[in-house]
């Protein structure tokens, strides 16, 4: 029997930070509460992140788990249009990419809904 759950935007379960080096972006995802971390590990996989960024055509996506911090770091290669010196886009550093990642959805069991942060949906 499957327990009741709800799909929520990832930003309700985690926050993020973004950095860059050349044409590589790294995006950290940090759980708002330790009990949410296993859901992030299970559902926010390198494959899921690659699919979320498919329009940026990453040449690779790696994930590094940081369980003691209840966080993970994704390294996306080839997503910054060549990097700061080559890119013609408005966000050459890719700072807004964390918002794109945090827009992914997460399946959260009812028992953990009280651990979510941020605005609730109507």
N, C-alpha and C. Protein backbone atom coordinates (compact mmCIF):
# COMPACT_ATOMS: atom_id res chain seq x y z
N UNK A 1 0.83 -1.18 0.00
CA UNK A 1 0.00 0.00 0.00
C UNK A 1 0.88 1.25 0.00
N UNK A 2 0.58 2.15 -0.89
CA UNK A 2 1.34 3.39 -1.03
C UNK A 2 0.78 4.45 -0.09
N UNK A 3 1.65 5.12 0.64
CA UNK A 3 1.22 6.16 1.56
C UNK A 3 0.84 7.41 0.79
N UNK A 4 -0.13 8.20 1.31
CA UNK A 4 -0.52 9.44 0.64
C UNK A 4 0.66 10.41 0.57
N UNK A 5 0.78 11.10 -0.57
CA UNK A 5 1.86 12.06 -0.75
C UNK A 5 1.36 13.22 -1.62
N UNK A 6 2.18 14.25 -1.69
CA UNK A 6 1.84 15.45 -2.47
C UNK A 6 3.06 15.87 -3.28
N UNK A 7 2.81 16.34 -4.50
CA UNK A 7 3.88 16.89 -5.33
C UNK A 7 4.00 18.38 -5.00
N UNK A 8 5.21 18.79 -4.67
CA UNK A 8 5.46 20.19 -4.32
C UNK A 8 6.69 20.67 -5.08
N UNK A 9 6.81 21.98 -5.28
CA UNK A 9 8.04 22.49 -5.90
C UNK A 9 9.22 22.22 -4.96
N UNK A 10 10.35 21.91 -5.53
CA UNK A 10 11.54 21.59 -4.75
C UNK A 10 11.91 22.72 -3.78
N UNK A 11 11.64 23.97 -4.14
CA UNK A 11 12.01 25.07 -3.25
C UNK A 11 11.28 25.02 -1.91
N UNK A 12 10.21 24.24 -1.81
CA UNK A 12 9.53 24.07 -0.52
C UNK A 12 10.33 23.14 0.40
N UNK A 13 11.19 22.28 -0.18
CA UNK A 13 11.96 21.31 0.59
C UNK A 13 13.43 21.67 0.73
N UNK A 14 13.91 22.58 -0.13
CA UNK A 14 15.35 22.88 -0.14
C UNK A 14 15.60 24.28 -0.68
N UNK A 15 16.80 24.76 -0.42
CA UNK A 15 17.26 26.01 -1.03
C UNK A 15 18.55 25.70 -1.77
N UNK A 16 19.05 26.64 -2.55
CA UNK A 16 20.22 26.36 -3.36
C UNK A 16 21.17 27.53 -3.47
N UNK A 17 22.36 27.23 -3.92
CA UNK A 17 23.40 28.21 -4.22
C UNK A 17 24.03 27.80 -5.54
N UNK A 18 24.51 28.79 -6.27
CA UNK A 18 25.09 28.51 -7.58
C UNK A 18 26.46 29.16 -7.71
N UNK A 19 27.38 28.45 -8.36
CA UNK A 19 28.69 28.99 -8.68
C UNK A 19 29.05 28.61 -10.10
N UNK A 20 30.15 29.15 -10.59
CA UNK A 20 30.55 28.83 -11.96
C UNK A 20 32.06 28.89 -12.10
N UNK A 21 32.55 28.20 -13.10
CA UNK A 21 33.94 28.26 -13.50
C UNK A 21 33.96 27.89 -14.97
N UNK A 22 34.28 28.87 -15.80
CA UNK A 22 34.26 28.62 -17.24
C UNK A 22 32.86 28.28 -17.71
N UNK A 23 32.73 27.17 -18.41
CA UNK A 23 31.44 26.74 -18.95
C UNK A 23 30.76 25.71 -18.03
N UNK A 24 31.21 25.67 -16.77
CA UNK A 24 30.70 24.70 -15.79
C UNK A 24 29.97 25.44 -14.69
N UNK A 25 28.78 24.95 -14.36
CA UNK A 25 28.01 25.51 -13.25
C UNK A 25 27.89 24.47 -12.15
N UNK A 26 27.99 24.90 -10.91
CA UNK A 26 27.69 23.97 -9.83
C UNK A 26 26.55 24.56 -9.03
N UNK A 27 25.62 23.70 -8.69
CA UNK A 27 24.40 24.12 -7.98
C UNK A 27 24.25 23.22 -6.76
N UNK A 28 24.23 23.85 -5.60
CA UNK A 28 23.99 23.08 -4.39
C UNK A 28 22.51 23.08 -4.07
N UNK A 29 22.06 21.99 -3.48
CA UNK A 29 20.68 21.83 -3.03
C UNK A 29 20.77 21.42 -1.57
N UNK A 30 20.22 22.25 -0.68
CA UNK A 30 20.34 22.04 0.75
C UNK A 30 18.94 21.88 1.35
N UNK A 31 18.70 20.76 2.00
CA UNK A 31 17.38 20.48 2.58
C UNK A 31 17.07 21.49 3.68
N UNK A 32 15.82 21.95 3.71
CA UNK A 32 15.38 22.83 4.79
C UNK A 32 15.36 22.09 6.12
N UNK A 33 15.15 20.78 6.07
CA UNK A 33 15.11 19.97 7.29
C UNK A 33 15.77 18.62 6.99
N UNK A 34 16.54 18.08 7.94
CA UNK A 34 17.23 16.80 7.70
C UNK A 34 16.31 15.66 7.27
N UNK A 35 15.07 15.65 7.74
CA UNK A 35 14.16 14.56 7.36
C UNK A 35 13.80 14.60 5.88
N UNK A 36 14.00 15.72 5.21
CA UNK A 36 13.68 15.83 3.79
C UNK A 36 14.83 15.36 2.90
N UNK A 37 16.02 15.29 3.46
CA UNK A 37 17.20 14.94 2.66
C UNK A 37 17.07 13.61 1.91
N UNK A 38 16.59 12.53 2.54
CA UNK A 38 16.47 11.27 1.78
C UNK A 38 15.57 11.39 0.55
N UNK A 39 14.55 12.24 0.61
CA UNK A 39 13.68 12.45 -0.56
C UNK A 39 14.47 13.12 -1.68
N UNK A 40 15.31 14.07 -1.31
CA UNK A 40 16.13 14.75 -2.32
C UNK A 40 17.06 13.76 -3.00
N UNK A 41 17.72 12.94 -2.21
CA UNK A 41 18.66 11.95 -2.76
C UNK A 41 17.94 10.99 -3.70
N UNK A 42 16.77 10.55 -3.30
CA UNK A 42 16.01 9.58 -4.08
C UNK A 42 15.48 10.17 -5.39
N UNK A 43 15.00 11.40 -5.34
CA UNK A 43 14.27 11.95 -6.49
C UNK A 43 15.04 12.96 -7.34
N UNK A 44 15.95 13.70 -6.76
CA UNK A 44 16.69 14.72 -7.51
C UNK A 44 18.02 14.09 -7.94
N UNK A 45 17.92 13.28 -8.96
CA UNK A 45 19.05 12.49 -9.46
C UNK A 45 19.76 13.25 -10.58
N UNK A 46 20.96 12.83 -10.94
CA UNK A 46 21.63 13.46 -12.08
C UNK A 46 20.79 13.38 -13.36
N UNK A 47 20.09 12.27 -13.54
CA UNK A 47 19.24 12.12 -14.74
C UNK A 47 18.08 13.12 -14.71
N UNK A 48 17.47 13.29 -13.55
CA UNK A 48 16.36 14.24 -13.43
C UNK A 48 16.84 15.67 -13.66
N UNK A 49 18.02 15.99 -13.14
CA UNK A 49 18.57 17.34 -13.33
C UNK A 49 18.93 17.55 -14.81
N UNK A 50 19.52 16.56 -15.45
CA UNK A 50 19.83 16.67 -16.88
C UNK A 50 18.56 16.92 -17.69
N UNK A 51 17.48 16.24 -17.33
CA UNK A 51 16.21 16.44 -18.04
C UNK A 51 15.68 17.86 -17.80
N UNK A 52 15.82 18.37 -16.58
CA UNK A 52 15.36 19.73 -16.27
C UNK A 52 16.14 20.77 -17.08
N UNK A 53 17.40 20.49 -17.36
CA UNK A 53 18.27 21.43 -18.07
C UNK A 53 18.49 21.04 -19.54
N UNK A 54 17.64 20.17 -20.07
CA UNK A 54 17.88 19.68 -21.43
C UNK A 54 17.93 20.80 -22.45
N UNK A 55 17.21 21.88 -22.23
CA UNK A 55 17.24 23.01 -23.18
C UNK A 55 18.59 23.72 -23.18
N UNK A 56 19.42 23.51 -22.14
CA UNK A 56 20.77 24.08 -22.08
C UNK A 56 21.80 23.08 -22.58
N UNK A 57 21.35 21.87 -22.90
CA UNK A 57 22.19 20.80 -23.47
C UNK A 57 23.48 20.56 -22.68
N UNK A 58 23.37 20.20 -21.40
CA UNK A 58 24.59 19.92 -20.64
C UNK A 58 25.34 18.73 -21.23
N UNK A 59 26.66 18.85 -21.26
CA UNK A 59 27.45 17.72 -21.77
C UNK A 59 27.67 16.68 -20.68
N UNK A 60 27.36 17.03 -19.45
CA UNK A 60 27.46 16.08 -18.34
C UNK A 60 26.85 16.66 -17.08
N UNK A 61 26.33 15.79 -16.24
CA UNK A 61 25.78 16.19 -14.94
C UNK A 61 26.30 15.18 -13.90
N UNK A 62 26.98 15.70 -12.91
CA UNK A 62 27.47 14.87 -11.81
C UNK A 62 26.81 15.32 -10.51
N UNK A 63 26.62 14.38 -9.60
CA UNK A 63 26.04 14.72 -8.29
C UNK A 63 26.99 14.25 -7.20
N UNK A 64 27.22 15.12 -6.23
CA UNK A 64 28.04 14.80 -5.07
C UNK A 64 27.18 14.95 -3.82
N UNK A 65 27.07 13.88 -3.05
CA UNK A 65 26.23 13.88 -1.85
C UNK A 65 27.03 14.36 -0.65
N UNK A 66 26.39 15.18 0.17
CA UNK A 66 26.99 15.72 1.39
C UNK A 66 26.04 15.46 2.54
N UNK A 67 25.92 14.19 2.95
CA UNK A 67 24.89 13.81 3.92
C UNK A 67 24.99 14.51 5.27
N UNK A 68 26.19 14.81 5.73
CA UNK A 68 26.31 15.47 7.03
C UNK A 68 25.79 16.90 6.99
N UNK A 69 25.72 17.47 5.79
CA UNK A 69 25.17 18.82 5.60
C UNK A 69 23.72 18.78 5.11
N UNK A 70 23.21 17.57 4.85
CA UNK A 70 21.86 17.39 4.29
C UNK A 70 21.77 18.14 2.96
N UNK A 71 22.82 17.98 2.16
CA UNK A 71 22.94 18.72 0.91
C UNK A 71 23.53 17.84 -0.18
N UNK A 72 23.46 18.34 -1.39
CA UNK A 72 24.13 17.73 -2.52
C UNK A 72 24.56 18.83 -3.46
N UNK A 73 25.56 18.53 -4.26
CA UNK A 73 26.07 19.50 -5.21
C UNK A 73 26.05 18.88 -6.60
N UNK A 74 25.48 19.61 -7.53
CA UNK A 74 25.44 19.17 -8.93
C UNK A 74 26.44 19.98 -9.73
N UNK A 75 27.20 19.31 -10.56
CA UNK A 75 28.12 19.96 -11.48
C UNK A 75 27.60 19.71 -12.88
N UNK A 76 27.27 20.80 -13.57
CA UNK A 76 26.72 20.72 -14.93
C UNK A 76 27.75 21.30 -15.89
N UNK A 77 28.21 20.47 -16.80
CA UNK A 77 29.19 20.91 -17.79
C UNK A 77 28.50 21.41 -19.05
N UNK A 78 29.05 22.45 -19.64
CA UNK A 78 28.58 22.95 -20.93
C UNK A 78 27.23 23.66 -20.89
N UNK A 79 26.89 24.31 -19.77
CA UNK A 79 25.57 24.94 -19.67
C UNK A 79 25.62 26.47 -19.63
N UNK A 80 26.84 27.06 -19.73
CA UNK A 80 26.95 28.51 -19.60
C UNK A 80 27.34 29.20 -20.91
N UNK A 81 26.98 28.59 -22.01
CA UNK A 81 27.25 29.18 -23.32
C UNK A 81 28.70 29.58 -23.50
N UNK A 82 29.61 28.77 -23.00
CA UNK A 82 31.03 29.03 -23.16
C UNK A 82 31.68 29.70 -21.97
N UNK A 83 30.90 30.20 -21.04
CA UNK A 83 31.45 30.86 -19.85
C UNK A 83 31.28 32.37 -19.92
N UNK A 84 31.68 33.03 -18.86
CA UNK A 84 31.44 34.47 -18.71
C UNK A 84 32.01 35.28 -19.87
N UNK A 85 33.20 34.96 -20.34
CA UNK A 85 33.83 35.76 -21.39
C UNK A 85 33.27 35.49 -22.77
N UNK A 86 32.60 34.37 -22.97
CA UNK A 86 32.09 34.01 -24.28
C UNK A 86 30.57 34.15 -24.41
N UNK A 87 29.86 34.08 -23.31
CA UNK A 87 28.40 34.03 -23.36
C UNK A 87 27.79 35.38 -23.73
N UNK A 88 26.75 35.32 -24.52
CA UNK A 88 26.00 36.51 -24.88
C UNK A 88 24.71 36.63 -24.08
N UNK A 89 24.42 35.65 -23.23
CA UNK A 89 23.17 35.70 -22.47
C UNK A 89 23.31 36.67 -21.29
N UNK A 90 22.19 37.04 -20.70
CA UNK A 90 22.18 38.02 -19.62
C UNK A 90 22.70 37.47 -18.31
N UNK A 91 22.69 36.17 -18.13
CA UNK A 91 23.13 35.55 -16.89
C UNK A 91 24.34 34.67 -17.18
N UNK A 92 25.44 35.28 -17.59
CA UNK A 92 26.62 34.52 -18.00
C UNK A 92 27.20 33.69 -16.86
N UNK A 93 27.02 34.12 -15.61
CA UNK A 93 27.52 33.36 -14.47
C UNK A 93 26.59 32.20 -14.11
N UNK A 94 25.37 32.20 -14.62
CA UNK A 94 24.43 31.12 -14.35
C UNK A 94 23.82 31.18 -12.96
N UNK A 95 23.79 32.35 -12.33
CA UNK A 95 23.25 32.46 -10.96
C UNK A 95 21.78 32.07 -10.90
N UNK A 96 21.04 32.30 -11.95
CA UNK A 96 19.61 31.98 -11.95
C UNK A 96 19.35 30.49 -12.15
N UNK A 97 20.37 29.71 -12.47
CA UNK A 97 20.15 28.29 -12.72
C UNK A 97 19.67 27.55 -11.48
N UNK A 98 20.01 28.03 -10.29
CA UNK A 98 19.51 27.36 -9.09
C UNK A 98 17.99 27.48 -9.02
N UNK A 99 17.44 28.59 -9.50
CA UNK A 99 15.99 28.75 -9.49
C UNK A 99 15.33 27.76 -10.44
N UNK A 100 15.98 27.50 -11.56
CA UNK A 100 15.45 26.51 -12.50
C UNK A 100 15.46 25.12 -11.86
N UNK A 101 16.53 24.79 -11.16
CA UNK A 101 16.59 23.49 -10.50
C UNK A 101 15.55 23.40 -9.38
N UNK A 102 15.40 24.48 -8.59
CA UNK A 102 14.46 24.47 -7.48
C UNK A 102 13.00 24.49 -7.94
N UNK A 103 12.79 24.66 -9.23
CA UNK A 103 11.43 24.60 -9.79
C UNK A 103 11.01 23.16 -10.11
N UNK A 104 11.93 22.21 -9.96
CA UNK A 104 11.57 20.80 -10.14
C UNK A 104 10.54 20.43 -9.07
N UNK A 105 9.85 19.32 -9.27
CA UNK A 105 8.87 18.89 -8.27
C UNK A 105 9.41 17.70 -7.48
N UNK A 106 8.86 17.58 -6.29
CA UNK A 106 9.27 16.54 -5.35
C UNK A 106 8.01 15.89 -4.78
N UNK A 107 8.02 14.59 -4.71
CA UNK A 107 6.91 13.84 -4.11
C UNK A 107 7.20 13.71 -2.61
N UNK A 108 6.33 14.32 -1.78
CA UNK A 108 6.57 14.36 -0.33
C UNK A 108 5.44 13.61 0.38
N UNK A 109 5.78 12.62 1.20
CA UNK A 109 4.75 11.92 1.98
C UNK A 109 4.03 12.89 2.92
N UNK A 110 2.76 12.64 3.13
CA UNK A 110 1.97 13.50 4.02
C UNK A 110 2.62 13.69 5.38
N UNK A 111 3.25 12.65 5.88
CA UNK A 111 3.86 12.70 7.21
C UNK A 111 5.00 13.71 7.30
N UNK A 112 5.55 14.15 6.15
CA UNK A 112 6.65 15.11 6.16
C UNK A 112 6.23 16.50 5.68
N UNK A 113 4.98 16.70 5.36
CA UNK A 113 4.55 18.01 4.86
C UNK A 113 4.83 19.13 5.85
N UNK A 114 4.78 18.84 7.14
CA UNK A 114 5.03 19.88 8.14
C UNK A 114 6.49 20.35 8.15
N UNK A 115 7.38 19.63 7.47
CA UNK A 115 8.79 20.00 7.39
C UNK A 115 9.09 20.94 6.23
N UNK A 116 8.12 21.17 5.36
CA UNK A 116 8.31 22.04 4.20
C UNK A 116 8.39 23.50 4.64
N UNK A 117 9.03 24.30 3.82
CA UNK A 117 9.14 25.74 4.08
C UNK A 117 8.55 26.49 2.89
N UNK A 118 8.42 27.79 3.03
CA UNK A 118 7.98 28.61 1.92
C UNK A 118 6.47 28.65 1.77
N UNK A 119 6.04 29.39 0.74
CA UNK A 119 4.60 29.59 0.54
C UNK A 119 3.88 28.30 0.11
N UNK A 120 2.72 28.14 0.61
CA UNK A 120 1.89 26.99 0.23
C UNK A 120 1.09 27.36 -1.01
N UNK A 121 0.78 26.34 -1.79
CA UNK A 121 0.00 26.57 -3.01
C UNK A 121 -1.48 26.66 -2.63
N UNK A 122 -2.20 27.52 -3.37
CA UNK A 122 -3.61 27.78 -3.16
C UNK A 122 -4.43 26.61 -2.97
